[in-house]
Amino acid sequence: MFLTRLWSMTEELNNLDENLEQELPLQENPQDAPAETTETVENEMEVLKKQVQEANDKYLRLYAEFDNYRRRSVKEKSEILQTAGKDVMLALLPVIDNFERAQKSSSTNSFEAYKEGVELIHNQFNSILNARGLKSIESVGQEFNVDLHEAITNIPAPSEDMVGKVIDETEKGYTLNGHVIRFAKVVVGE
């Protein structure tokens, strides 16, 4: 929008300059021109000069407005990038608190209670990430898909129906809001 207005103002300035040149032909000898013609030409020239000045002023204001808009948008983008992970970090703080509590209680509680606490923290951590759009890719038993999986190796399939399917997963893959952010590293049957 700003660029089109800026462009139209530039064209308007060029048109006014051309009109000024066309409407005011240069005369060889200004003393030969009648007095009233000279006076009307001077009036027209003043009007055209004012129009050029107004157009130039509009152009400069529009350029300054666009420059301010550009600076403001760059500043807003940098602020967004700096605080983009803030909500995720705030959501993860309770998980860190729970891990610290588990570390403190590890010496006083039994191993089963400690294990149960770690599982609860793991579930809490996964639920926070799932709420933010992170999903794990289910791979084992699925048909090998190059858009989701990265084959580490091929091994003989244990049965005929497992040929071309994922037999084992060495590292989980994840999607964020439907886009793969890490491919699942898998073993494929052949």
N, C-alpha and C. Protein backbone atom coordinates (compact mmCIF):
# COMPACT_ATOMS: atom_id res chain seq x y z
N MET A 1 0.82 -1.18 0.00
CA MET A 1 0.00 0.00 0.00
C MET A 1 0.87 1.25 0.00
N PHE A 2 1.88 1.26 0.87
CA PHE A 2 2.76 2.42 0.93
C PHE A 2 3.56 2.56 -0.35
N LEU A 3 4.01 1.44 -0.87
CA LEU A 3 4.83 1.50 -2.08
C LEU A 3 4.02 2.00 -3.27
N THR A 4 2.76 1.59 -3.37
CA THR A 4 1.95 2.07 -4.48
C THR A 4 1.69 3.56 -4.36
N ARG A 5 1.44 4.02 -3.14
CA ARG A 5 1.24 5.47 -2.96
C ARG A 5 2.53 6.22 -3.27
N LEU A 6 3.66 5.67 -2.86
CA LEU A 6 4.95 6.28 -3.12
C LEU A 6 5.21 6.34 -4.62
N TRP A 7 4.90 5.26 -5.31
CA TRP A 7 5.09 5.20 -6.75
C TRP A 7 4.19 6.20 -7.46
N SER A 8 2.92 6.31 -7.03
CA SER A 8 2.01 7.24 -7.69
C SER A 8 2.45 8.69 -7.46
N MET A 9 2.99 8.97 -6.29
CA MET A 9 3.48 10.33 -6.01
C MET A 9 4.68 10.65 -6.92
N THR A 10 5.55 9.67 -7.13
CA THR A 10 6.70 9.88 -8.01
C THR A 10 6.23 10.15 -9.44
N GLU A 11 5.26 9.39 -9.90
CA GLU A 11 4.71 9.61 -11.24
C GLU A 11 4.04 10.97 -11.34
N GLU A 12 3.35 11.39 -10.30
CA GLU A 12 2.69 12.69 -10.29
C GLU A 12 3.72 13.81 -10.40
N LEU A 13 4.84 13.67 -9.68
CA LEU A 13 5.91 14.68 -9.78
C LEU A 13 6.47 14.74 -11.20
N ASN A 14 6.71 13.57 -11.79
CA ASN A 14 7.23 13.55 -13.15
C ASN A 14 6.25 14.17 -14.14
N ASN A 15 4.96 13.89 -13.98
CA ASN A 15 3.94 14.46 -14.87
C ASN A 15 3.87 15.98 -14.73
N LEU A 16 3.97 16.49 -13.49
CA LEU A 16 3.94 17.94 -13.29
C LEU A 16 5.14 18.61 -13.95
N ASP A 17 6.31 17.96 -13.83
CA ASP A 17 7.50 18.53 -14.49
C ASP A 17 7.32 18.55 -16.00
N GLU A 18 6.77 17.49 -16.57
CA GLU A 18 6.54 17.46 -18.02
C GLU A 18 5.52 18.50 -18.44
N ASN A 19 4.44 18.64 -17.64
CA ASN A 19 3.41 19.65 -17.95
C ASN A 19 4.00 21.05 -17.90
N LEU A 20 4.87 21.28 -16.93
CA LEU A 20 5.50 22.59 -16.80
C LEU A 20 6.34 22.90 -18.03
N GLU A 21 7.07 21.92 -18.51
CA GLU A 21 7.91 22.14 -19.69
C GLU A 21 7.06 22.34 -20.94
N GLN A 22 5.94 21.59 -21.03
CA GLN A 22 5.09 21.70 -22.22
C GLN A 22 4.31 23.00 -22.25
N GLU A 23 3.83 23.43 -21.09
CA GLU A 23 2.99 24.63 -21.04
C GLU A 23 3.80 25.91 -21.10
N LEU A 24 5.06 25.84 -20.79
CA LEU A 24 5.89 27.05 -20.79
C LEU A 24 7.01 26.91 -21.81
N PRO A 25 6.69 27.06 -23.08
CA PRO A 25 7.76 26.97 -24.08
C PRO A 25 8.70 28.16 -23.94
N LEU A 26 9.96 27.88 -24.11
CA LEU A 26 10.96 28.94 -23.99
C LEU A 26 10.90 29.83 -25.24
N GLN A 27 10.98 31.13 -25.01
CA GLN A 27 10.97 32.07 -26.13
C GLN A 27 12.39 32.59 -26.32
N GLU A 28 12.70 32.86 -27.55
CA GLU A 28 14.03 33.35 -27.88
C GLU A 28 14.30 34.70 -27.23
N ASN A 29 13.33 35.58 -27.30
CA ASN A 29 13.53 36.92 -26.79
C ASN A 29 12.33 37.28 -25.92
N PRO A 30 12.48 37.29 -24.57
CA PRO A 30 11.34 37.58 -23.71
C PRO A 30 10.80 39.00 -23.89
N GLN A 31 11.57 39.96 -24.43
CA GLN A 31 11.05 41.30 -24.61
C GLN A 31 10.02 41.34 -25.73
N ASP A 32 10.05 40.39 -26.65
CA ASP A 32 9.10 40.37 -27.76
C ASP A 32 7.71 39.92 -27.33
N ALA A 33 7.58 39.22 -26.21
CA ALA A 33 6.30 38.70 -25.77
C ALA A 33 5.44 39.83 -25.23
N PRO A 34 4.13 39.75 -25.45
CA PRO A 34 3.25 40.78 -24.90
C PRO A 34 3.26 40.73 -23.38
N ALA A 35 2.99 41.84 -22.74
CA ALA A 35 3.05 41.96 -21.29
C ALA A 35 2.05 41.05 -20.61
N GLU A 36 0.80 41.00 -21.15
CA GLU A 36 -0.22 40.16 -20.50
C GLU A 36 0.09 38.68 -20.65
N THR A 37 0.70 38.29 -21.76
CA THR A 37 1.07 36.89 -21.94
C THR A 37 2.16 36.53 -20.94
N THR A 38 3.10 37.40 -20.77
CA THR A 38 4.17 37.17 -19.81
C THR A 38 3.61 37.05 -18.41
N GLU A 39 2.64 37.89 -18.12
CA GLU A 39 2.02 37.88 -16.79
C GLU A 39 1.24 36.59 -16.57
N THR A 40 0.48 36.12 -17.55
CA THR A 40 -0.27 34.87 -17.40
C THR A 40 0.68 33.68 -17.33
N VAL A 41 1.74 33.74 -18.10
CA VAL A 41 2.72 32.65 -18.06
C VAL A 41 3.37 32.61 -16.68
N GLU A 42 3.69 33.76 -16.13
CA GLU A 42 4.29 33.81 -14.80
C GLU A 42 3.32 33.29 -13.75
N ASN A 43 2.03 33.64 -13.88
CA ASN A 43 1.01 33.13 -12.95
C ASN A 43 0.90 31.60 -13.05
N GLU A 44 0.84 31.12 -14.30
CA GLU A 44 0.76 29.67 -14.49
C GLU A 44 2.01 28.98 -13.94
N MET A 45 3.13 29.62 -14.13
CA MET A 45 4.39 29.05 -13.65
C MET A 45 4.38 29.00 -12.12
N GLU A 46 3.86 30.00 -11.47
CA GLU A 46 3.77 30.02 -10.02
C GLU A 46 2.83 28.91 -9.53
N VAL A 47 1.69 28.77 -10.22
CA VAL A 47 0.73 27.72 -9.84
C VAL A 47 1.38 26.35 -9.99
N LEU A 48 2.06 26.14 -11.10
CA LEU A 48 2.71 24.85 -11.34
C LEU A 48 3.84 24.60 -10.33
N LYS A 49 4.56 25.65 -9.99
CA LYS A 49 5.63 25.50 -8.99
C LYS A 49 5.03 25.10 -7.64
N LYS A 50 3.89 25.69 -7.29
CA LYS A 50 3.22 25.33 -6.04
C LYS A 50 2.77 23.87 -6.08
N GLN A 51 2.23 23.45 -7.23
CA GLN A 51 1.79 22.07 -7.36
C GLN A 51 2.96 21.10 -7.23
N VAL A 52 4.08 21.46 -7.85
CA VAL A 52 5.27 20.61 -7.74
C VAL A 52 5.75 20.57 -6.30
N GLN A 53 5.75 21.71 -5.64
CA GLN A 53 6.18 21.77 -4.24
C GLN A 53 5.26 20.94 -3.35
N GLU A 54 3.93 21.04 -3.58
CA GLU A 54 2.98 20.24 -2.80
C GLU A 54 3.18 18.75 -3.05
N ALA A 55 3.38 18.38 -4.31
CA ALA A 55 3.59 16.97 -4.64
C ALA A 55 4.89 16.46 -4.02
N ASN A 56 5.91 17.29 -4.05
CA ASN A 56 7.19 16.92 -3.44
C ASN A 56 7.04 16.76 -1.93
N ASP A 57 6.28 17.66 -1.32
CA ASP A 57 6.03 17.57 0.13
C ASP A 57 5.27 16.29 0.46
N LYS A 58 4.25 15.97 -0.34
CA LYS A 58 3.49 14.73 -0.12
C LYS A 58 4.42 13.52 -0.26
N TYR A 59 5.27 13.56 -1.26
CA TYR A 59 6.22 12.47 -1.51
C TYR A 59 7.14 12.28 -0.31
N LEU A 60 7.69 13.36 0.20
CA LEU A 60 8.60 13.26 1.35
C LEU A 60 7.89 12.74 2.60
N ARG A 61 6.67 13.22 2.83
CA ARG A 61 5.90 12.74 3.98
C ARG A 61 5.57 11.25 3.85
N LEU A 62 5.19 10.85 2.65
CA LEU A 62 4.88 9.45 2.40
C LEU A 62 6.12 8.58 2.57
N TYR A 63 7.25 9.04 2.10
CA TYR A 63 8.49 8.31 2.26
C TYR A 63 8.85 8.18 3.74
N ALA A 64 8.69 9.24 4.49
CA ALA A 64 8.98 9.20 5.93
C ALA A 64 8.01 8.25 6.64
N GLU A 65 6.74 8.28 6.24
CA GLU A 65 5.74 7.38 6.84
C GLU A 65 6.11 5.92 6.56
N PHE A 66 6.52 5.64 5.33
CA PHE A 66 6.92 4.28 4.98
C PHE A 66 8.15 3.85 5.76
N ASP A 67 9.12 4.74 5.89
CA ASP A 67 10.34 4.43 6.64
C ASP A 67 10.02 4.13 8.10
N ASN A 68 9.14 4.91 8.69
CA ASN A 68 8.72 4.65 10.08
C ASN A 68 8.01 3.30 10.19
N TYR A 69 7.15 2.99 9.22
CA TYR A 69 6.45 1.71 9.22
C TYR A 69 7.46 0.55 9.15
N ARG A 70 8.45 0.68 8.28
CA ARG A 70 9.46 -0.36 8.12
C ARG A 70 10.24 -0.56 9.42
N ARG A 71 10.65 0.52 10.05
CA ARG A 71 11.39 0.42 11.32
C ARG A 71 10.53 -0.22 12.40
N ARG A 72 9.28 0.19 12.47
CA ARG A 72 8.37 -0.36 13.48
C ARG A 72 8.16 -1.86 13.28
N SER A 73 7.98 -2.29 12.03
CA SER A 73 7.76 -3.72 11.77
C SER A 73 9.01 -4.54 12.07
N VAL A 74 10.19 -4.01 11.79
CA VAL A 74 11.43 -4.72 12.12
C VAL A 74 11.56 -4.86 13.63
N LYS A 75 11.24 -3.81 14.35
CA LYS A 75 11.31 -3.85 15.82
C LYS A 75 10.32 -4.86 16.38
N GLU A 76 9.10 -4.88 15.86
CA GLU A 76 8.09 -5.84 16.33
C GLU A 76 8.51 -7.27 16.05
N LYS A 77 9.09 -7.52 14.88
CA LYS A 77 9.55 -8.87 14.55
C LYS A 77 10.66 -9.32 15.49
N SER A 78 11.59 -8.44 15.80
CA SER A 78 12.67 -8.82 16.71
C SER A 78 12.14 -9.09 18.11
N GLU A 79 11.14 -8.32 18.56
CA GLU A 79 10.54 -8.57 19.87
C GLU A 79 9.82 -9.91 19.89
N ILE A 80 9.13 -10.24 18.81
CA ILE A 80 8.42 -11.52 18.74
C ILE A 80 9.42 -12.67 18.79
N LEU A 81 10.53 -12.56 18.06
CA LEU A 81 11.52 -13.62 18.07
C LEU A 81 12.17 -13.79 19.44
N GLN A 82 12.38 -12.70 20.15
CA GLN A 82 13.00 -12.77 21.47
C GLN A 82 12.08 -13.41 22.49
N THR A 83 10.78 -13.22 22.36
CA THR A 83 9.84 -13.74 23.36
C THR A 83 9.02 -14.92 22.84
N ALA A 84 9.42 -15.49 21.70
CA ALA A 84 8.63 -16.58 21.10
C ALA A 84 8.52 -17.78 22.01
N GLY A 85 9.57 -18.14 22.70
CA GLY A 85 9.54 -19.33 23.54
C GLY A 85 9.12 -19.07 24.97
N LYS A 86 8.71 -17.87 25.27
CA LYS A 86 8.39 -17.50 26.65
C LYS A 86 7.27 -18.36 27.22
N ASP A 87 6.19 -18.56 26.46
CA ASP A 87 5.06 -19.32 26.99
C ASP A 87 5.43 -20.79 27.21
N VAL A 88 6.28 -21.35 26.35
CA VAL A 88 6.73 -22.72 26.53
C VAL A 88 7.60 -22.82 27.79
N MET A 89 8.47 -21.87 27.95
CA MET A 89 9.35 -21.88 29.13
C MET A 89 8.53 -21.76 30.42
N LEU A 90 7.54 -20.89 30.41
CA LEU A 90 6.69 -20.75 31.60
C LEU A 90 5.93 -22.04 31.89
N ALA A 91 5.50 -22.74 30.85
CA ALA A 91 4.78 -24.00 31.04
C ALA A 91 5.70 -25.10 31.55
N LEU A 92 6.99 -25.02 31.23
CA LEU A 92 7.93 -26.05 31.66
C LEU A 92 8.46 -25.83 33.08
N LEU A 93 8.28 -24.67 33.63
CA LEU A 93 8.78 -24.41 34.98
C LEU A 93 8.21 -25.37 36.03
N PRO A 94 6.93 -25.72 36.00
CA PRO A 94 6.43 -26.71 36.97
C PRO A 94 7.10 -28.08 36.83
N VAL A 95 7.48 -28.45 35.61
CA VAL A 95 8.17 -29.72 35.41
C VAL A 95 9.53 -29.69 36.10
N ILE A 96 10.23 -28.58 35.95
CA ILE A 96 11.53 -28.43 36.61
C ILE A 96 11.35 -28.49 38.13
N ASP A 97 10.32 -27.81 38.63
CA ASP A 97 10.05 -27.85 40.07
C ASP A 97 9.80 -29.27 40.54
N ASN A 98 9.04 -30.04 39.77
CA ASN A 98 8.75 -31.42 40.15
C ASN A 98 10.01 -32.29 40.11
N PHE A 99 10.89 -32.07 39.14
CA PHE A 99 12.15 -32.80 39.11
C PHE A 99 13.00 -32.48 40.34
N GLU A 100 13.04 -31.22 40.72
CA GLU A 100 13.81 -30.85 41.92
C GLU A 100 13.23 -31.50 43.17
N ARG A 101 11.91 -31.56 43.27
CA ARG A 101 11.28 -32.23 44.41
C ARG A 101 11.61 -33.72 44.42
N ALA A 102 11.62 -34.32 43.23
CA ALA A 102 11.95 -35.74 43.13
C ALA A 102 13.39 -36.00 43.55
N GLN A 103 14.30 -35.11 43.17
CA GLN A 103 15.70 -35.27 43.58
C GLN A 103 15.84 -35.18 45.10
N LYS A 104 15.13 -34.27 45.71
CA LYS A 104 15.21 -34.11 47.17
C LYS A 104 14.63 -35.33 47.89
N SER A 105 13.57 -35.89 47.33
CA SER A 105 12.91 -37.01 48.01
C SER A 105 13.49 -38.36 47.62
N SER A 106 14.43 -38.41 46.70
CA SER A 106 14.97 -39.69 46.24
C SER A 106 15.69 -40.44 47.35
N SER A 107 16.30 -39.74 48.27
CA SER A 107 17.04 -40.40 49.34
C SER A 107 16.11 -40.89 50.46
N THR A 108 14.94 -40.29 50.60
CA THR A 108 14.05 -40.66 51.70
C THR A 108 12.97 -41.65 51.29
N ASN A 109 12.59 -41.72 50.02
CA ASN A 109 11.51 -42.60 49.57
C ASN A 109 12.06 -43.88 48.95
N SER A 110 11.20 -44.84 48.77
CA SER A 110 11.58 -46.10 48.14
C SER A 110 11.77 -45.90 46.65
N PHE A 111 12.39 -46.89 46.03
CA PHE A 111 12.64 -46.82 44.60
C PHE A 111 11.33 -46.80 43.82
N GLU A 112 10.32 -47.55 44.24
CA GLU A 112 9.02 -47.60 43.55
C GLU A 112 8.34 -46.24 43.58
N ALA A 113 8.39 -45.55 44.71
CA ALA A 113 7.78 -44.21 44.81
C ALA A 113 8.52 -43.23 43.92
N TYR A 114 9.85 -43.35 43.89
CA TYR A 114 10.67 -42.48 43.04
C TYR A 114 10.35 -42.73 41.57
N LYS A 115 10.24 -43.99 41.19
CA LYS A 115 9.92 -44.36 39.81
C LYS A 115 8.55 -43.83 39.42
N GLU A 116 7.58 -43.94 40.29
CA GLU A 116 6.24 -43.44 40.02
C GLU A 116 6.25 -41.91 39.86
N GLY A 117 7.03 -41.24 40.68
CA GLY A 117 7.14 -39.79 40.58
C GLY A 117 7.76 -39.35 39.26
N VAL A 118 8.79 -40.06 38.81
CA VAL A 118 9.43 -39.73 37.52
C VAL A 118 8.45 -39.97 36.37
N GLU A 119 7.65 -41.03 36.46
CA GLU A 119 6.65 -41.30 35.43
C GLU A 119 5.60 -40.18 35.39
N LEU A 120 5.19 -39.71 36.55
CA LEU A 120 4.22 -38.61 36.60
C LEU A 120 4.81 -37.34 35.97
N ILE A 121 6.07 -37.08 36.27
CA ILE A 121 6.73 -35.89 35.68
C ILE A 121 6.84 -36.06 34.17
N HIS A 122 7.18 -37.24 33.72
CA HIS A 122 7.27 -37.51 32.28
C HIS A 122 5.92 -37.26 31.60
N ASN A 123 4.85 -37.75 32.22
CA ASN A 123 3.51 -37.53 31.66
C ASN A 123 3.14 -36.05 31.65
N GLN A 124 3.51 -35.34 32.71
CA GLN A 124 3.24 -33.90 32.77
C GLN A 124 4.00 -33.17 31.65
N PHE A 125 5.25 -33.54 31.46
CA PHE A 125 6.09 -32.94 30.43
C PHE A 125 5.49 -33.20 29.04
N ASN A 126 5.09 -34.44 28.78
CA ASN A 126 4.48 -34.78 27.48
C ASN A 126 3.17 -34.04 27.26
N SER A 127 2.36 -33.90 28.30
CA SER A 127 1.08 -33.21 28.13
C SER A 127 1.29 -31.73 27.81
N ILE A 128 2.30 -31.12 28.40
CA ILE A 128 2.62 -29.71 28.10
C ILE A 128 3.04 -29.58 26.64
N LEU A 129 3.92 -30.46 26.20
CA LEU A 129 4.39 -30.40 24.81
C LEU A 129 3.26 -30.71 23.82
N ASN A 130 2.41 -31.67 24.16
CA ASN A 130 1.27 -31.99 23.29
C ASN A 130 0.30 -30.82 23.19
N ALA A 131 0.13 -30.10 24.28
CA ALA A 131 -0.76 -28.93 24.26
C ALA A 131 -0.20 -27.83 23.36
N ARG A 132 1.11 -27.81 23.17
CA ARG A 132 1.75 -26.81 22.32
C ARG A 132 1.90 -27.29 20.88
N GLY A 133 1.33 -28.47 20.55
CA GLY A 133 1.33 -28.94 19.16
C GLY A 133 2.36 -29.99 18.84
N LEU A 134 3.14 -30.46 19.81
CA LEU A 134 4.16 -31.47 19.57
C LEU A 134 3.52 -32.86 19.68
N LYS A 135 3.69 -33.66 18.65
CA LYS A 135 3.14 -35.03 18.64
C LYS A 135 4.26 -35.98 18.23
N SER A 136 4.28 -37.16 18.85
CA SER A 136 5.27 -38.16 18.45
C SER A 136 4.74 -38.93 17.25
N ILE A 137 5.66 -39.41 16.42
CA ILE A 137 5.30 -40.17 15.23
C ILE A 137 5.31 -41.64 15.60
N GLU A 138 4.18 -42.29 15.43
CA GLU A 138 4.08 -43.74 15.67
C GLU A 138 4.69 -44.45 14.48
N SER A 139 5.70 -45.29 14.72
CA SER A 139 6.43 -45.89 13.60
C SER A 139 6.37 -47.40 13.56
N VAL A 140 6.53 -48.07 14.68
CA VAL A 140 6.65 -49.53 14.69
C VAL A 140 5.39 -50.16 14.12
N GLY A 141 5.61 -51.04 13.12
CA GLY A 141 4.50 -51.72 12.47
C GLY A 141 3.89 -50.94 11.31
N GLN A 142 4.29 -49.72 11.13
CA GLN A 142 3.76 -48.88 10.06
C GLN A 142 4.57 -49.08 8.78
N GLU A 143 3.97 -48.78 7.65
CA GLU A 143 4.67 -48.81 6.37
C GLU A 143 5.76 -47.73 6.39
N PHE A 144 6.96 -48.06 5.87
CA PHE A 144 8.05 -47.08 5.84
C PHE A 144 7.65 -45.91 4.97
N ASN A 145 7.80 -44.68 5.49
CA ASN A 145 7.42 -43.46 4.79
C ASN A 145 8.60 -42.49 4.85
N VAL A 146 9.16 -42.13 3.71
CA VAL A 146 10.33 -41.26 3.69
C VAL A 146 10.01 -39.86 4.20
N ASP A 147 8.73 -39.50 4.24
CA ASP A 147 8.36 -38.18 4.75
C ASP A 147 8.34 -38.14 6.27
N LEU A 148 8.34 -39.32 6.91
CA LEU A 148 8.28 -39.39 8.37
C LEU A 148 9.46 -40.12 8.99
N HIS A 149 10.06 -41.04 8.23
CA HIS A 149 11.07 -41.92 8.78
C HIS A 149 12.43 -41.73 8.13
N GLU A 150 13.46 -42.04 8.90
CA GLU A 150 14.83 -42.09 8.39
C GLU A 150 15.32 -43.51 8.66
N ALA A 151 15.59 -44.27 7.60
CA ALA A 151 16.01 -45.66 7.76
C ALA A 151 17.47 -45.71 8.18
N ILE A 152 17.71 -46.35 9.33
CA ILE A 152 19.07 -46.54 9.82
C ILE A 152 19.68 -47.76 9.13
N THR A 153 18.89 -48.82 9.07
CA THR A 153 19.35 -50.06 8.45
C THR A 153 18.15 -50.88 8.01
N ASN A 154 18.42 -51.88 7.19
CA ASN A 154 17.41 -52.86 6.77
C ASN A 154 17.82 -54.22 7.34
N ILE A 155 16.85 -54.96 7.83
CA ILE A 155 17.11 -56.31 8.33
C ILE A 155 16.08 -57.24 7.71
N PRO A 156 16.37 -58.55 7.71
CA PRO A 156 15.36 -59.47 7.18
C PRO A 156 14.08 -59.38 8.02
N ALA A 157 12.96 -59.34 7.35
CA ALA A 157 11.67 -59.22 8.03
C ALA A 157 11.35 -60.54 8.73
N PRO A 158 10.81 -60.47 9.97
CA PRO A 158 10.48 -61.70 10.68
C PRO A 158 9.32 -62.46 10.02
N SER A 159 8.47 -61.75 9.30
CA SER A 159 7.38 -62.40 8.59
C SER A 159 7.16 -61.67 7.27
N GLU A 160 6.43 -62.32 6.38
CA GLU A 160 6.19 -61.76 5.05
C GLU A 160 5.43 -60.44 5.10
N ASP A 161 4.50 -60.28 6.04
CA ASP A 161 3.71 -59.05 6.11
C ASP A 161 4.50 -57.85 6.66
N MET A 162 5.70 -58.09 7.21
CA MET A 162 6.53 -56.99 7.75
C MET A 162 7.53 -56.45 6.72
N VAL A 163 7.52 -56.96 5.50
CA VAL A 163 8.43 -56.47 4.46
C VAL A 163 8.02 -55.04 4.10
N GLY A 164 8.98 -54.13 4.15
CA GLY A 164 8.72 -52.72 3.84
C GLY A 164 8.12 -51.95 4.99
N LYS A 165 8.00 -52.59 6.14
CA LYS A 165 7.43 -51.92 7.32
C LYS A 165 8.52 -51.70 8.36
N VAL A 166 8.23 -50.80 9.29
CA VAL A 166 9.16 -50.47 10.36
C VAL A 166 9.11 -51.59 11.40
N ILE A 167 10.27 -52.16 11.68
CA ILE A 167 10.36 -53.25 12.66
C ILE A 167 10.74 -52.71 14.03
N ASP A 168 11.66 -51.74 14.05
CA ASP A 168 12.12 -51.19 15.32
C ASP A 168 12.37 -49.69 15.15
N GLU A 169 12.29 -48.99 16.26
CA GLU A 169 12.51 -47.55 16.27
C GLU A 169 13.65 -47.25 17.23
N THR A 170 14.73 -46.63 16.74
CA THR A 170 15.86 -46.30 17.61
C THR A 170 15.74 -44.91 18.20
N GLU A 171 15.03 -44.03 17.53
CA GLU A 171 14.81 -42.67 18.04
C GLU A 171 13.46 -42.19 17.55
N LYS A 172 12.64 -41.70 18.47
CA LYS A 172 11.30 -41.23 18.10
C LYS A 172 11.38 -40.00 17.21
N GLY A 173 10.39 -39.90 16.33
CA GLY A 173 10.25 -38.71 15.51
C GLY A 173 9.11 -37.86 16.05
N TYR A 174 9.13 -36.57 15.71
CA TYR A 174 8.12 -35.66 16.24
C TYR A 174 7.65 -34.70 15.15
N THR A 175 6.37 -34.32 15.28
CA THR A 175 5.81 -33.28 14.42
C THR A 175 5.38 -32.12 15.32
N LEU A 176 5.49 -30.92 14.81
CA LEU A 176 5.04 -29.73 15.51
C LEU A 176 3.99 -29.07 14.63
N ASN A 177 2.75 -29.09 15.11
CA ASN A 177 1.61 -28.55 14.36
C ASN A 177 1.53 -29.12 12.95
N GLY A 178 1.77 -30.43 12.84
CA GLY A 178 1.63 -31.12 11.57
C GLY A 178 2.87 -31.12 10.70
N HIS A 179 3.95 -30.44 11.09
CA HIS A 179 5.18 -30.40 10.32
C HIS A 179 6.25 -31.23 11.03
N VAL A 180 6.93 -32.08 10.29
CA VAL A 180 7.96 -32.92 10.88
C VAL A 180 9.13 -32.06 11.31
N ILE A 181 9.49 -32.15 12.60
CA ILE A 181 10.65 -31.42 13.08
C ILE A 181 11.82 -32.36 13.37
N ARG A 182 11.51 -33.66 13.53
CA ARG A 182 12.57 -34.68 13.65
C ARG A 182 12.02 -35.99 13.09
N PHE A 183 12.76 -36.55 12.15
CA PHE A 183 12.37 -37.81 11.55
C PHE A 183 12.63 -38.94 12.55
N ALA A 184 11.77 -39.96 12.51
CA ALA A 184 11.97 -41.13 13.36
C ALA A 184 13.07 -41.97 12.73
N LYS A 185 14.05 -42.38 13.54
CA LYS A 185 15.12 -43.25 13.05
C LYS A 185 14.67 -44.68 13.28
N VAL A 186 14.56 -45.43 12.17
CA VAL A 186 13.91 -46.73 12.23
C VAL A 186 14.74 -47.81 11.54
N VAL A 187 14.38 -49.05 11.87
CA VAL A 187 14.90 -50.24 11.21
C VAL A 187 13.76 -50.81 10.36
N VAL A 188 14.05 -51.06 9.09
CA VAL A 188 13.02 -51.48 8.14
C VAL A 188 13.24 -52.93 7.75
N GLY A 189 12.16 -53.68 7.64
CA GLY A 189 12.23 -55.08 7.21
C GLY A 189 12.31 -55.19 5.70
N GLU A 190 13.14 -56.18 5.25
CA GLU A 190 13.24 -56.39 3.80
C GLU A 190 13.03 -57.84 3.45
